[in-house]
């Protein structure tokens, strides 16, 4: 079970270690219209586009008494995106293993990969 904990910690550290450049604070210039609207204090903030970081962590498990437990952990983290936002690359990782049961533990399955996306 320590291998599953190790994979979970690795996946969490991957999510934290690769900050998404889209989330950097960007200074936005105020137009005269923004300054002359005293009734809306946060007008410039409301107009700014908010983007969320699309990180994924999937944990699955299941089994039945006496048959063991199937455990699967997967993660997907954005690594790079072009300035136009049309090209992006995400890193992926996965771990799966059957634990316990009448046949014992299976060898762990590890996987690393990448996903390139082009938006038309």
PDB file of N, CA and C in Angstrom:
ATOM      1  N   UNK A   1       0.824  -1.189   0.000  1.00  0.00           N
ATOM      2  CA  UNK A   1       0.000   0.000   0.000  1.00  0.00           C
ATOM      3  C   UNK A   1       0.874   1.260   0.000  1.00  0.00           C
ATOM      4  N   UNK A   2       2.142   1.135   0.381  1.00  0.00           N
ATOM      5  CA  UNK A   2       3.019   2.299   0.405  1.00  0.00           C
ATOM      6  C   UNK A   2       3.301   2.798  -1.012  1.00  0.00           C
ATOM      7  N   UNK A   3       3.266   1.913  -2.009  1.00  0.00           N
ATOM      8  CA  UNK A   3       3.474   2.335  -3.393  1.00  0.00           C
ATOM      9  C   UNK A   3       2.323   3.229  -3.848  1.00  0.00           C
ATOM     10  N   UNK A   4       1.109   2.911  -3.436  1.00  0.00           N
ATOM     11  CA  UNK A   4      -0.045   3.731  -3.810  1.00  0.00           C
ATOM     12  C   UNK A   4       0.059   5.119  -3.179  1.00  0.00           C
ATOM     13  N   UNK A   5       0.504   5.172  -1.943  1.00  0.00           N
ATOM     14  CA  UNK A   5       0.688   6.459  -1.281  1.00  0.00           C
ATOM     15  C   UNK A   5       1.780   7.268  -1.971  1.00  0.00           C
ATOM     16  N   UNK A   6       2.844   6.590  -2.387  1.00  0.00           N
ATOM     17  CA  UNK A   6       3.930   7.251  -3.104  1.00  0.00           C
ATOM     18  C   UNK A   6       3.430   7.860  -4.410  1.00  0.00           C
ATOM     19  N   UNK A   7       2.624   7.116  -5.154  1.00  0.00           N
ATOM     20  CA  UNK A   7       2.091   7.608  -6.427  1.00  0.00           C
ATOM     21  C   UNK A   7       1.175   8.793  -6.192  1.00  0.00           C
ATOM     22  N   UNK A   8       0.342   8.706  -5.170  1.00  0.00           N
ATOM     23  CA  UNK A   8      -0.560   9.806  -4.862  1.00  0.00           C
ATOM     24  C   UNK A   8       0.222  11.073  -4.519  1.00  0.00           C
ATOM     25  N   UNK A   9       1.276  10.934  -3.723  1.00  0.00           N
ATOM     26  CA  UNK A   9       2.095  12.091  -3.367  1.00  0.00           C
ATOM     27  C   UNK A   9       2.827  12.649  -4.581  1.00  0.00           C
ATOM     28  N   UNK A  10       3.289  11.774  -5.485  1.00  0.00           N
ATOM     29  CA  UNK A  10       3.950  12.238  -6.709  1.00  0.00           C
ATOM     30  C   UNK A  10       2.980  13.008  -7.588  1.00  0.00           C
ATOM     31  N   UNK A  11       1.759  12.491  -7.714  1.00  0.00           N
ATOM     32  CA  UNK A  11       0.762  13.171  -8.540  1.00  0.00           C
ATOM     33  C   UNK A  11       0.417  14.539  -7.958  1.00  0.00           C
ATOM     34  N   UNK A  12       0.261  14.618  -6.641  1.00  0.00           N
ATOM     35  CA  UNK A  12      -0.039  15.900  -6.009  1.00  0.00           C
ATOM     36  C   UNK A  12       1.114  16.888  -6.162  1.00  0.00           C
ATOM     37  N   UNK A  13       2.352  16.390  -6.046  1.00  0.00           N
ATOM     38  CA  UNK A  13       3.497  17.291  -6.196  1.00  0.00           C
ATOM     39  C   UNK A  13       3.618  17.778  -7.633  1.00  0.00           C
ATOM     40  N   UNK A  14       3.220  16.933  -8.621  1.00  0.00           N
ATOM     41  CA  UNK A  14       3.239  17.345 -10.005  1.00  0.00           C
ATOM     42  C   UNK A  14       2.240  18.478 -10.241  1.00  0.00           C
ATOM     43  N   UNK A  15       1.088  18.386  -9.604  1.00  0.00           N
ATOM     44  CA  UNK A  15       0.061  19.415  -9.756  1.00  0.00           C
ATOM     45  C   UNK A  15       0.546  20.733  -9.169  1.00  0.00           C
ATOM     46  N   UNK A  16       1.240  20.677  -8.049  1.00  0.00           N
ATOM     47  CA  UNK A  16       1.703  21.897  -7.386  1.00  0.00           C
ATOM     48  C   UNK A  16       2.973  22.448  -8.041  1.00  0.00           C
ATOM     49  N   UNK A  17       3.834  21.574  -8.582  1.00  0.00           N
ATOM     50  CA  UNK A  17       5.144  21.999  -9.077  1.00  0.00           C
ATOM     51  C   UNK A  17       5.090  22.724 -10.406  1.00  0.00           C
ATOM     52  N   UNK A  18       4.079  22.481 -11.213  1.00  0.00           N
ATOM     53  CA  UNK A  18       4.003  23.100 -12.530  1.00  0.00           C
ATOM     54  C   UNK A  18       2.918  24.162 -12.564  1.00  0.00           C
ATOM     55  N   UNK A  19       3.248  25.385 -12.176  1.00  0.00           N
ATOM     56  CA  UNK A  19       2.225  26.440 -12.223  1.00  0.00           C
ATOM     57  C   UNK A  19       1.866  26.752 -13.666  1.00  0.00           C
ATOM     58  N   UNK A  20       0.650  27.134 -13.871  1.00  0.00           N
ATOM     59  CA  UNK A  20       0.165  27.443 -15.210  1.00  0.00           C
ATOM     60  C   UNK A  20       0.465  28.905 -15.510  1.00  0.00           C
ATOM     61  N   UNK A  21       1.166  29.199 -16.627  1.00  0.00           N
ATOM     62  CA  UNK A  21       1.517  30.599 -16.916  1.00  0.00           C
ATOM     63  C   UNK A  21       0.303  31.472 -17.170  1.00  0.00           C
ATOM     64  N   UNK A  22      -0.853  30.899 -17.488  1.00  0.00           N
ATOM     65  CA  UNK A  22      -2.050  31.697 -17.727  1.00  0.00           C
ATOM     66  C   UNK A  22      -2.557  32.335 -16.443  1.00  0.00           C
ATOM     67  N   UNK A  23      -2.149  31.840 -15.286  1.00  0.00           N
ATOM     68  CA  UNK A  23      -2.661  32.336 -14.013  1.00  0.00           C
ATOM     69  C   UNK A  23      -1.816  33.474 -13.442  1.00  0.00           C
ATOM     70  N   UNK A  24      -0.767  33.889 -14.159  1.00  0.00           N
ATOM     71  CA  UNK A  24       0.059  34.989 -13.661  1.00  0.00           C
ATOM     72  C   UNK A  24      -0.767  36.266 -13.624  1.00  0.00           C
ATOM     73  N   UNK A  25      -0.470  37.091 -12.651  1.00  0.00           N
ATOM     74  CA  UNK A  25      -1.195  38.365 -12.553  1.00  0.00           C
ATOM     75  C   UNK A  25      -0.771  39.269 -13.697  1.00  0.00           C
ATOM     76  N   UNK A  26      -1.761  39.801 -14.383  1.00  0.00           N
ATOM     77  CA  UNK A  26      -1.489  40.694 -15.488  1.00  0.00           C
ATOM     78  C   UNK A  26      -2.067  42.061 -15.153  1.00  0.00           C
ATOM     79  N   UNK A  27      -1.245  43.090 -15.338  1.00  0.00           N
ATOM     80  CA  UNK A  27      -1.704  44.448 -15.093  1.00  0.00           C
ATOM     81  C   UNK A  27      -2.606  44.862 -16.254  1.00  0.00           C
ATOM     82  N   UNK A  28      -3.723  45.448 -15.952  1.00  0.00           N
ATOM     83  CA  UNK A  28      -4.654  45.887 -16.978  1.00  0.00           C
ATOM     84  C   UNK A  28      -4.778  47.409 -16.894  1.00  0.00           C
ATOM     85  N   UNK A  29      -4.616  48.062 -18.055  1.00  0.00           N
ATOM     86  CA  UNK A  29      -4.712  49.514 -18.075  1.00  0.00           C
ATOM     87  C   UNK A  29      -6.174  49.928 -17.960  1.00  0.00           C
ATOM     88  N   UNK A  30      -6.402  50.976 -17.197  1.00  0.00           N
ATOM     89  CA  UNK A  30      -7.754  51.495 -17.039  1.00  0.00           C
ATOM     90  C   UNK A  30      -8.031  52.543 -18.106  1.00  0.00           C
ATOM     91  N   UNK A  31      -9.174  52.458 -18.690  1.00  0.00           N
ATOM     92  CA  UNK A  31      -9.589  53.471 -19.655  1.00  0.00           C
ATOM     93  C   UNK A  31     -10.269  54.607 -18.895  1.00  0.00           C
ATOM     94  N   UNK A  32     -10.450  55.764 -19.528  1.00  0.00           N
ATOM     95  CA  UNK A  32     -11.156  56.871 -18.853  1.00  0.00           C
ATOM     96  C   UNK A  32     -12.559  56.471 -18.423  1.00  0.00           C
ATOM     97  N   UNK A  33     -13.199  55.567 -19.166  1.00  0.00           N
ATOM     98  CA  UNK A  33     -14.535  55.118 -18.806  1.00  0.00           C
ATOM     99  C   UNK A  33     -14.520  54.371 -17.464  1.00  0.00           C
ATOM    100  N   UNK A  34     -13.466  53.583 -17.237  1.00  0.00           N
ATOM    101  CA  UNK A  34     -13.366  52.843 -15.983  1.00  0.00           C
ATOM    102  C   UNK A  34     -13.180  53.783 -14.788  1.00  0.00           C
ATOM    103  N   UNK A  35     -12.429  54.847 -14.972  1.00  0.00           N
ATOM    104  CA  UNK A  35     -12.142  55.767 -13.877  1.00  0.00           C
ATOM    105  C   UNK A  35     -13.372  56.608 -13.532  1.00  0.00           C
ATOM    106  N   UNK A  36     -14.195  56.905 -14.524  1.00  0.00           N
ATOM    107  CA  UNK A  36     -15.341  57.778 -14.287  1.00  0.00           C
ATOM    108  C   UNK A  36     -16.584  57.025 -13.838  1.00  0.00           C
ATOM    109  N   UNK A  37     -16.443  55.767 -13.458  1.00  0.00           N
ATOM    110  CA  UNK A  37     -17.602  54.989 -13.008  1.00  0.00           C
ATOM    111  C   UNK A  37     -17.459  54.699 -11.520  1.00  0.00           C
ATOM    112  N   UNK A  38     -17.730  55.686 -10.640  1.00  0.00           N
ATOM    113  CA  UNK A  38     -17.515  55.489  -9.213  1.00  0.00           C
ATOM    114  C   UNK A  38     -18.483  54.487  -8.593  1.00  0.00           C
ATOM    115  N   UNK A  39     -19.641  54.266  -9.212  1.00  0.00           N
ATOM    116  CA  UNK A  39     -20.614  53.354  -8.616  1.00  0.00           C
ATOM    117  C   UNK A  39     -20.228  51.892  -8.791  1.00  0.00           C
ATOM    118  N   UNK A  40     -19.254  51.616  -9.634  1.00  0.00           N
ATOM    119  CA  UNK A  40     -18.768  50.252  -9.786  1.00  0.00           C
ATOM    120  C   UNK A  40     -17.281  50.236  -9.452  1.00  0.00           C
ATOM    121  N   UNK A  41     -16.955  49.908  -8.227  1.00  0.00           N
ATOM    122  CA  UNK A  41     -15.568  49.935  -7.789  1.00  0.00           C
ATOM    123  C   UNK A  41     -14.730  48.865  -8.460  1.00  0.00           C
ATOM    124  N   UNK A  42     -15.295  47.711  -8.725  1.00  0.00           N
ATOM    125  CA  UNK A  42     -14.544  46.596  -9.285  1.00  0.00           C
ATOM    126  C   UNK A  42     -14.832  46.396 -10.769  1.00  0.00           C
ATOM    127  N   UNK A  43     -15.100  47.470 -11.492  1.00  0.00           N
ATOM    128  CA  UNK A  43     -15.458  47.364 -12.900  1.00  0.00           C
ATOM    129  C   UNK A  43     -14.343  46.709 -13.714  1.00  0.00           C
ATOM    130  N   UNK A  44     -13.095  47.134 -13.478  1.00  0.00           N
ATOM    131  CA  UNK A  44     -11.978  46.570 -14.234  1.00  0.00           C
ATOM    132  C   UNK A  44     -11.795  45.096 -13.914  1.00  0.00           C
ATOM    133  N   UNK A  45     -11.989  44.708 -12.662  1.00  0.00           N
ATOM    134  CA  UNK A  45     -11.852  43.306 -12.286  1.00  0.00           C
ATOM    135  C   UNK A  45     -12.955  42.454 -12.895  1.00  0.00           C
ATOM    136  N   UNK A  46     -14.161  43.000 -13.003  1.00  0.00           N
ATOM    137  CA  UNK A  46     -15.264  42.250 -13.592  1.00  0.00           C
ATOM    138  C   UNK A  46     -15.056  42.041 -15.084  1.00  0.00           C
ATOM    139  N   UNK A  47     -14.364  42.970 -15.739  1.00  0.00           N
ATOM    140  CA  UNK A  47     -14.146  42.873 -17.175  1.00  0.00           C
ATOM    141  C   UNK A  47     -12.986  41.947 -17.521  1.00  0.00           C
ATOM    142  N   UNK A  48     -12.108  41.677 -16.574  1.00  0.00           N
ATOM    143  CA  UNK A  48     -10.963  40.803 -16.837  1.00  0.00           C
ATOM    144  C   UNK A  48     -11.444  39.379 -17.036  1.00  0.00           C
ATOM    145  N   UNK A  49     -10.812  38.710 -17.974  1.00  0.00           N
ATOM    146  CA  UNK A  49     -11.184  37.319 -18.247  1.00  0.00           C
ATOM    147  C   UNK A  49     -10.548  36.419 -17.191  1.00  0.00           C
ATOM    148  N   UNK A  50     -11.346  35.579 -16.575  1.00  0.00           N
ATOM    149  CA  UNK A  50     -10.860  34.668 -15.546  1.00  0.00           C
ATOM    150  C   UNK A  50     -10.672  33.301 -16.181  1.00  0.00           C
ATOM    151  N   UNK A  51      -9.464  32.763 -16.054  1.00  0.00           N
ATOM    152  CA  UNK A  51      -9.171  31.441 -16.592  1.00  0.00           C
ATOM    153  C   UNK A  51      -8.806  30.513 -15.444  1.00  0.00           C
ATOM    154  N   UNK A  52      -9.337  29.312 -15.491  1.00  0.00           N
ATOM    155  CA  UNK A  52      -9.039  28.320 -14.473  1.00  0.00           C
ATOM    156  C   UNK A  52      -7.947  27.396 -14.967  1.00  0.00           C
ATOM    157  N   UNK A  53      -7.126  26.937 -14.052  1.00  0.00           N
ATOM    158  CA  UNK A  53      -6.110  25.950 -14.373  1.00  0.00           C
ATOM    159  C   UNK A  53      -6.806  24.598 -14.483  1.00  0.00           C
ATOM    160  N   UNK A  54      -6.569  23.894 -15.579  1.00  0.00           N
ATOM    161  CA  UNK A  54      -7.259  22.631 -15.813  1.00  0.00           C
ATOM    162  C   UNK A  54      -6.361  21.469 -15.423  1.00  0.00           C
ATOM    163  N   UNK A  55      -6.183  21.287 -14.144  1.00  0.00           N
ATOM    164  CA  UNK A  55      -5.425  20.149 -13.628  1.00  0.00           C
ATOM    165  C   UNK A  55      -6.393  19.049 -13.266  1.00  0.00           C
ATOM    166  N   UNK A  56      -5.995  17.807 -13.471  1.00  0.00           N
ATOM    167  CA  UNK A  56      -6.873  16.686 -13.165  1.00  0.00           C
ATOM    168  C   UNK A  56      -6.133  15.686 -12.292  1.00  0.00           C
ATOM    169  N   UNK A  57      -6.837  15.154 -11.319  1.00  0.00           N
ATOM    170  CA  UNK A  57      -6.339  14.057 -10.504  1.00  0.00           C
ATOM    171  C   UNK A  57      -7.493  13.077 -10.346  1.00  0.00           C
ATOM    172  N   UNK A  58      -7.322  11.881 -10.879  1.00  0.00           N
ATOM    173  CA  UNK A  58      -8.364  10.862 -10.821  1.00  0.00           C
ATOM    174  C   UNK A  58      -7.892   9.699  -9.959  1.00  0.00           C
ATOM    175  N   UNK A  59      -8.695   9.341  -8.968  1.00  0.00           N
ATOM    176  CA  UNK A  59      -8.392   8.205  -8.102  1.00  0.00           C
ATOM    177  C   UNK A  59      -9.584   7.264  -8.158  1.00  0.00           C
ATOM    178  N   UNK A  60      -9.327   6.013  -8.485  1.00  0.00           N
ATOM    179  CA  UNK A  60     -10.385   5.017  -8.554  1.00  0.00           C
ATOM    180  C   UNK A  60      -9.952   3.787  -7.781  1.00  0.00           C
ATOM    181  N   UNK A  61     -10.913   3.147  -7.176  1.00  0.00           N
ATOM    182  CA  UNK A  61     -10.641   1.910  -6.457  1.00  0.00           C
ATOM    183  C   UNK A  61     -11.914   1.115  -6.312  1.00  0.00           C
ATOM    184  N   UNK A  62     -11.754  -0.152  -6.149  1.00  0.00           N
ATOM    185  CA  UNK A  62     -12.918  -1.007  -5.969  1.00  0.00           C
ATOM    186  C   UNK A  62     -12.489  -2.435  -5.736  1.00  0.00           C
ATOM    187  N   UNK A  63     -13.407  -3.223  -5.285  1.00  0.00           N
ATOM    188  CA  UNK A  63     -13.128  -4.628  -5.023  1.00  0.00           C
ATOM    189  C   UNK A  63     -14.260  -5.225  -4.217  1.00  0.00           C
ATOM    190  N   UNK A  64     -14.043  -6.434  -3.791  1.00  0.00           N
ATOM    191  CA  UNK A  64     -15.028  -7.109  -2.954  1.00  0.00           C
ATOM    192  C   UNK A  64     -14.300  -7.909  -1.892  1.00  0.00           C
ATOM    193  N   UNK A  65     -14.987  -8.236  -0.789  1.00  0.00           N
ATOM    194  CA  UNK A  65     -14.337  -8.976   0.299  1.00  0.00           C
ATOM    195  C   UNK A  65     -13.754 -10.298  -0.197  1.00  0.00           C
ATOM    196  N   UNK A  66     -12.521 -10.530   0.151  1.00  0.00           N
ATOM    197  CA  UNK A  66     -11.840 -11.770  -0.212  1.00  0.00           C
ATOM    198  C   UNK A  66     -11.268 -11.784  -1.616  1.00  0.00           C
ATOM    199  N   UNK A  67     -11.559 -10.806  -2.431  1.00  0.00           N
ATOM    200  CA  UNK A  67     -11.073 -10.785  -3.824  1.00  0.00           C
ATOM    201  C   UNK A  67      -9.977  -9.750  -4.038  1.00  0.00           C
ATOM    202  N   UNK A  68      -9.763  -8.864  -3.089  1.00  0.00           N
ATOM    203  CA  UNK A  68      -8.725  -7.857  -3.230  1.00  0.00           C
ATOM    204  C   UNK A  68      -9.273  -6.506  -3.636  1.00  0.00           C
ATOM    205  N   UNK A  69      -8.374  -5.612  -3.924  1.00  0.00           N
ATOM    206  CA  UNK A  69      -8.708  -4.218  -4.230  1.00  0.00           C
ATOM    207  C   UNK A  69      -7.985  -3.797  -5.496  1.00  0.00           C
ATOM    208  N   UNK A  70      -8.695  -3.175  -6.402  1.00  0.00           N
ATOM    209  CA  UNK A  70      -8.089  -2.573  -7.594  1.00  0.00           C
ATOM    210  C   UNK A  70      -7.936  -1.081  -7.343  1.00  0.00           C
ATOM    211  N   UNK A  71      -6.740  -0.576  -7.567  1.00  0.00           N
ATOM    212  CA  UNK A  71      -6.448   0.833  -7.313  1.00  0.00           C
ATOM    213  C   UNK A  71      -5.869   1.448  -8.575  1.00  0.00           C
ATOM    214  N   UNK A  72      -6.338   2.648  -8.928  1.00  0.00           N
ATOM    215  CA  UNK A  72      -5.852   3.355 -10.105  1.00  0.00           C
ATOM    216  C   UNK A  72      -5.773   4.847  -9.783  1.00  0.00           C
ATOM    217  N   UNK A  73      -4.642   5.458 -10.121  1.00  0.00           N
ATOM    218  CA  UNK A  73      -4.432   6.891  -9.904  1.00  0.00           C
ATOM    219  C   UNK A  73      -3.896   7.473 -11.205  1.00  0.00           C
ATOM    220  N   UNK A  74      -4.494   8.570 -11.654  1.00  0.00           N
ATOM    221  CA  UNK A  74      -4.042   9.243 -12.865  1.00  0.00           C
ATOM    222  C   UNK A  74      -4.017  10.745 -12.660  1.00  0.00           C
ATOM    223  N   UNK A  75      -3.105  11.413 -13.355  1.00  0.00           N
ATOM    224  CA  UNK A  75      -2.996  12.865 -13.236  1.00  0.00           C
ATOM    225  C   UNK A  75      -2.703  13.468 -14.601  1.00  0.00           C
ATOM    226  N   UNK A  76      -3.211  14.685 -14.817  1.00  0.00           N
ATOM    227  CA  UNK A  76      -2.945  15.444 -16.040  1.00  0.00           C
ATOM    228  C   UNK A  76      -2.709  16.891 -15.644  1.00  0.00           C
ATOM    229  N   UNK A  77      -1.562  17.443 -16.071  1.00  0.00           N
ATOM    230  CA  UNK A  77      -1.154  18.782 -15.656  1.00  0.00           C
ATOM    231  C   UNK A  77      -0.740  19.591 -16.880  1.00  0.00           C
ATOM    232  N   UNK A  78      -1.289  20.818 -17.050  1.00  0.00           N
ATOM    233  CA  UNK A  78      -0.836  21.656 -18.168  1.00  0.00           C
ATOM    234  C   UNK A  78       0.611  22.101 -17.956  1.00  0.00           C
ATOM    235  N   UNK A  79       1.425  21.944 -18.998  1.00  0.00           N
ATOM    236  CA  UNK A  79       2.831  22.309 -18.921  1.00  0.00           C
ATOM    237  C   UNK A  79       3.125  23.555 -19.746  1.00  0.00           C
ATOM    238  N   UNK A  80       2.547  23.642 -20.943  1.00  0.00           N
ATOM    239  CA  UNK A  80       2.861  24.752 -21.845  1.00  0.00           C
ATOM    240  C   UNK A  80       1.640  25.111 -22.669  1.00  0.00           C
ATOM    241  N   UNK A  81       1.492  26.409 -22.971  1.00  0.00           N
ATOM    242  CA  UNK A  81       0.460  26.889 -23.884  1.00  0.00           C
ATOM    243  C   UNK A  81       1.036  28.042 -24.683  1.00  0.00           C
ATOM    244  N   UNK A  82       0.750  28.080 -25.984  1.00  0.00           N
ATOM    245  CA  UNK A  82       1.251  29.156 -26.834  1.00  0.00           C
ATOM    246  C   UNK A  82       0.569  30.472 -26.469  1.00  0.00           C
ATOM    247  N   UNK A  83       1.132  31.564 -26.936  1.00  0.00           N
ATOM    248  CA  UNK A  83       0.570  32.878 -26.639  1.00  0.00           C
ATOM    249  C   UNK A  83      -0.843  33.030 -27.189  1.00  0.00           C
ATOM    250  N   UNK A  84      -1.109  32.419 -28.354  1.00  0.00           N
ATOM    251  CA  UNK A  84      -2.443  32.525 -28.945  1.00  0.00           C
ATOM    252  C   UNK A  84      -3.439  31.580 -28.276  1.00  0.00           C
ATOM    253  N   UNK A  85      -2.952  30.610 -27.524  1.00  0.00           N
ATOM    254  CA  UNK A  85      -3.833  29.660 -26.852  1.00  0.00           C
ATOM    255  C   UNK A  85      -4.280  28.509 -27.734  1.00  0.00           C
ATOM    256  N   UNK A  86      -3.767  28.438 -28.957  1.00  0.00           N
ATOM    257  CA  UNK A  86      -4.202  27.376 -29.867  1.00  0.00           C
ATOM    258  C   UNK A  86      -3.407  26.094 -29.680  1.00  0.00           C
ATOM    259  N   UNK A  87      -2.171  26.190 -29.241  1.00  0.00           N
ATOM    260  CA  UNK A  87      -1.328  25.019 -29.026  1.00  0.00           C
ATOM    261  C   UNK A  87      -1.109  24.851 -27.529  1.00  0.00           C
ATOM    262  N   UNK A  88      -1.196  23.619 -27.053  1.00  0.00           N
ATOM    263  CA  UNK A  88      -0.900  23.361 -25.638  1.00  0.00           C
ATOM    264  C   UNK A  88      -0.370  21.947 -25.478  1.00  0.00           C
ATOM    265  N   UNK A  89       0.353  21.741 -24.387  1.00  0.00           N
ATOM    266  CA  UNK A  89       0.909  20.422 -24.071  1.00  0.00           C
ATOM    267  C   UNK A  89       0.676  20.139 -22.594  1.00  0.00           C
ATOM    268  N   UNK A  90       0.147  18.961 -22.304  1.00  0.00           N
ATOM    269  CA  UNK A  90      -0.114  18.529 -20.932  1.00  0.00           C
ATOM    270  C   UNK A  90       0.695  17.269 -20.638  1.00  0.00           C
ATOM    271  N   UNK A  91       1.229  17.161 -19.436  1.00  0.00           N
ATOM    272  CA  UNK A  91       1.918  15.955 -18.983  1.00  0.00           C
ATOM    273  C   UNK A  91       0.912  15.051 -18.266  1.00  0.00           C
ATOM    274  N   UNK A  92       1.033  13.758 -18.477  1.00  0.00           N
ATOM    275  CA  UNK A  92       0.135  12.799 -17.843  1.00  0.00           C
ATOM    276  C   UNK A  92       0.944  11.721 -17.136  1.00  0.00           C
ATOM    277  N   UNK A  93       0.349  11.136 -16.116  1.00  0.00           N
ATOM    278  CA  UNK A  93       0.956  10.024 -15.400  1.00  0.00           C
ATOM    279  C   UNK A  93      -0.122   9.144 -14.813  1.00  0.00           C
ATOM    280  N   UNK A  94       0.181   7.839 -14.684  1.00  0.00           N
ATOM    281  CA  UNK A  94      -0.803   6.923 -14.123  1.00  0.00           C
ATOM    282  C   UNK A  94      -0.127   5.781 -13.375  1.00  0.00           C
ATOM    283  N   UNK A  95      -0.880   5.215 -12.472  1.00  0.00           N
ATOM    284  CA  UNK A  95      -0.445   4.065 -11.687  1.00  0.00           C
ATOM    285  C   UNK A  95      -1.668   3.182 -11.458  1.00  0.00           C
ATOM    286  N   UNK A  96      -1.495   1.875 -11.610  1.00  0.00           N
ATOM    287  CA  UNK A  96      -2.582   0.940 -11.349  1.00  0.00           C
ATOM    288  C   UNK A  96      -2.003  -0.345 -10.772  1.00  0.00           C
ATOM    289  N   UNK A  97      -2.755  -0.960  -9.843  1.00  0.00           N
ATOM    290  CA  UNK A  97      -2.294  -2.203  -9.232  1.00  0.00           C
ATOM    291  C   UNK A  97      -3.465  -2.906  -8.559  1.00  0.00           C
ATOM    292  N   UNK A  98      -3.423  -4.235  -8.571  1.00  0.00           N
ATOM    293  CA  UNK A  98      -4.379  -5.041  -7.814  1.00  0.00           C
ATOM    294  C   UNK A  98      -3.696  -5.430  -6.509  1.00  0.00           C
ATOM    295  N   UNK A  99      -4.366  -5.192  -5.401  1.00  0.00           N
ATOM    296  CA  UNK A  99      -3.783  -5.454  -4.080  1.00  0.00           C
ATOM    297  C   UNK A  99      -4.604  -6.512  -3.352  1.00  0.00           C
ATOM    298  N   UNK A 100      -3.920  -7.515  -2.803  1.00  0.00           N
ATOM    299  CA  UNK A 100      -4.580  -8.524  -1.977  1.00  0.00           C
ATOM    300  C   UNK A 100      -5.334  -9.560  -2.779  1.00  0.00           C
ATOM    301  N   UNK A 101      -6.214 -10.265  -2.079  1.00  0.00           N
ATOM    302  CA  UNK A 101      -7.016 -11.300  -2.717  1.00  0.00           C
ATOM    303  C   UNK A 101      -6.302 -12.644  -2.720  1.00  0.00           C
ATOM    304  N   UNK A 102      -6.931 -13.683  -3.298  1.00  0.00           N
ATOM    305  CA  UNK A 102      -6.347 -15.023  -3.269  1.00  0.00           C
ATOM    306  C   UNK A 102      -5.063 -15.145  -4.089  1.00  0.00           C
ATOM    307  N   UNK A 103      -4.846 -14.275  -5.067  1.00  0.00           N
ATOM    308  CA  UNK A 103      -3.643 -14.363  -5.906  1.00  0.00           C
ATOM    309  C   UNK A 103      -2.582 -13.342  -5.522  1.00  0.00           C
ATOM    310  N   UNK A 104      -2.825 -12.586  -4.487  1.00  0.00           N
ATOM    311  CA  UNK A 104      -1.840 -11.623  -4.011  1.00  0.00           C
ATOM    312  C   UNK A 104      -1.810 -10.347  -4.838  1.00  0.00           C
ATOM    313  N   UNK A 105      -0.735  -9.613  -4.665  1.00  0.00           N
ATOM    314  CA  UNK A 105      -0.597  -8.330  -5.356  1.00  0.00           C
ATOM    315  C   UNK A 105      -0.079  -8.534  -6.774  1.00  0.00           C
ATOM    316  N   UNK A 106      -0.609  -7.763  -7.705  1.00  0.00           N
ATOM    317  CA  UNK A 106      -0.088  -7.790  -9.072  1.00  0.00           C
ATOM    318  C   UNK A 106       1.086  -6.826  -9.165  1.00  0.00           C
ATOM    319  N   UNK A 107       1.911  -6.971 -10.193  1.00  0.00           N
ATOM    320  CA  UNK A 107       2.967  -5.970 -10.365  1.00  0.00           C
ATOM    321  C   UNK A 107       2.340  -4.615 -10.700  1.00  0.00           C
ATOM    322  N   UNK A 108       2.919  -3.532 -10.236  1.00  0.00           N
ATOM    323  CA  UNK A 108       2.327  -2.217 -10.526  1.00  0.00           C
ATOM    324  C   UNK A 108       2.495  -1.847 -11.998  1.00  0.00           C
ATOM    325  N   UNK A 109       1.509  -1.157 -12.524  1.00  0.00           N
ATOM    326  CA  UNK A 109       1.571  -0.603 -13.875  1.00  0.00           C
ATOM    327  C   UNK A 109       1.795   0.893 -13.748  1.00  0.00           C
ATOM    328  N   UNK A 110       2.887   1.376 -14.343  1.00  0.00           N
ATOM    329  CA  UNK A 110       3.223   2.791 -14.323  1.00  0.00           C
ATOM    330  C   UNK A 110       3.123   3.337 -15.734  1.00  0.00           C
ATOM    331  N   UNK A 111       2.777   4.572 -15.867  1.00  0.00           N
ATOM    332  CA  UNK A 111       2.726   5.179 -17.186  1.00  0.00           C
ATOM    333  C   UNK A 111       2.964   6.676 -17.128  1.00  0.00           C
ATOM    334  N   UNK A 112       3.724   7.175 -18.091  1.00  0.00           N
ATOM    335  CA  UNK A 112       3.966   8.606 -18.251  1.00  0.00           C
ATOM    336  C   UNK A 112       3.687   8.956 -19.704  1.00  0.00           C
ATOM    337  N   UNK A 113       3.202  10.139 -19.940  1.00  0.00           N
ATOM    338  CA  UNK A 113       2.916  10.522 -21.312  1.00  0.00           C
ATOM    339  C   UNK A 113       2.669  12.001 -21.432  1.00  0.00           C
ATOM    340  N   UNK A 114       2.266  12.375 -22.620  1.00  0.00           N
ATOM    341  CA  UNK A 114       1.968  13.765 -22.896  1.00  0.00           C
ATOM    342  C   UNK A 114       0.817  13.865 -23.870  1.00  0.00           C
ATOM    343  N   UNK A 115       0.113  14.985 -23.817  1.00  0.00           N
ATOM    344  CA  UNK A 115      -1.022  15.231 -24.707  1.00  0.00           C
ATOM    345  C   UNK A 115      -0.825  16.592 -25.363  1.00  0.00           C
ATOM    346  N   UNK A 116      -0.714  16.570 -26.693  1.00  0.00           N
ATOM    347  CA  UNK A 116      -0.625  17.818 -27.462  1.00  0.00           C
ATOM    348  C   UNK A 116      -2.011  18.139 -27.992  1.00  0.00           C
ATOM    349  N   UNK A 117      -2.428  19.410 -27.856  1.00  0.00           N
ATOM    350  CA  UNK A 117      -3.746  19.833 -28.314  1.00  0.00           C
ATOM    351  C   UNK A 117      -3.602  21.031 -29.240  1.00  0.00           C
ATOM    352  N   UNK A 118      -4.297  20.986 -30.374  1.00  0.00           N
ATOM    353  CA  UNK A 118      -4.376  22.123 -31.282  1.00  0.00           C
ATOM    354  C   UNK A 118      -5.832  22.503 -31.405  1.00  0.00           C
ATOM    355  N   UNK A 119      -6.150  23.755 -31.136  1.00  0.00           N
ATOM    356  CA  UNK A 119      -7.544  24.233 -31.201  1.00  0.00           C
ATOM    357  C   UNK A 119      -7.728  24.991 -32.514  1.00  0.00           C
ATOM    358  N   UNK A 120      -8.710  24.563 -33.297  1.00  0.00           N
ATOM    359  CA  UNK A 120      -8.993  25.176 -34.606  1.00  0.00           C
ATOM    360  C   UNK A 120      -9.683  26.504 -34.436  1.00  0.00           C
TER     361      UNK A 120
END
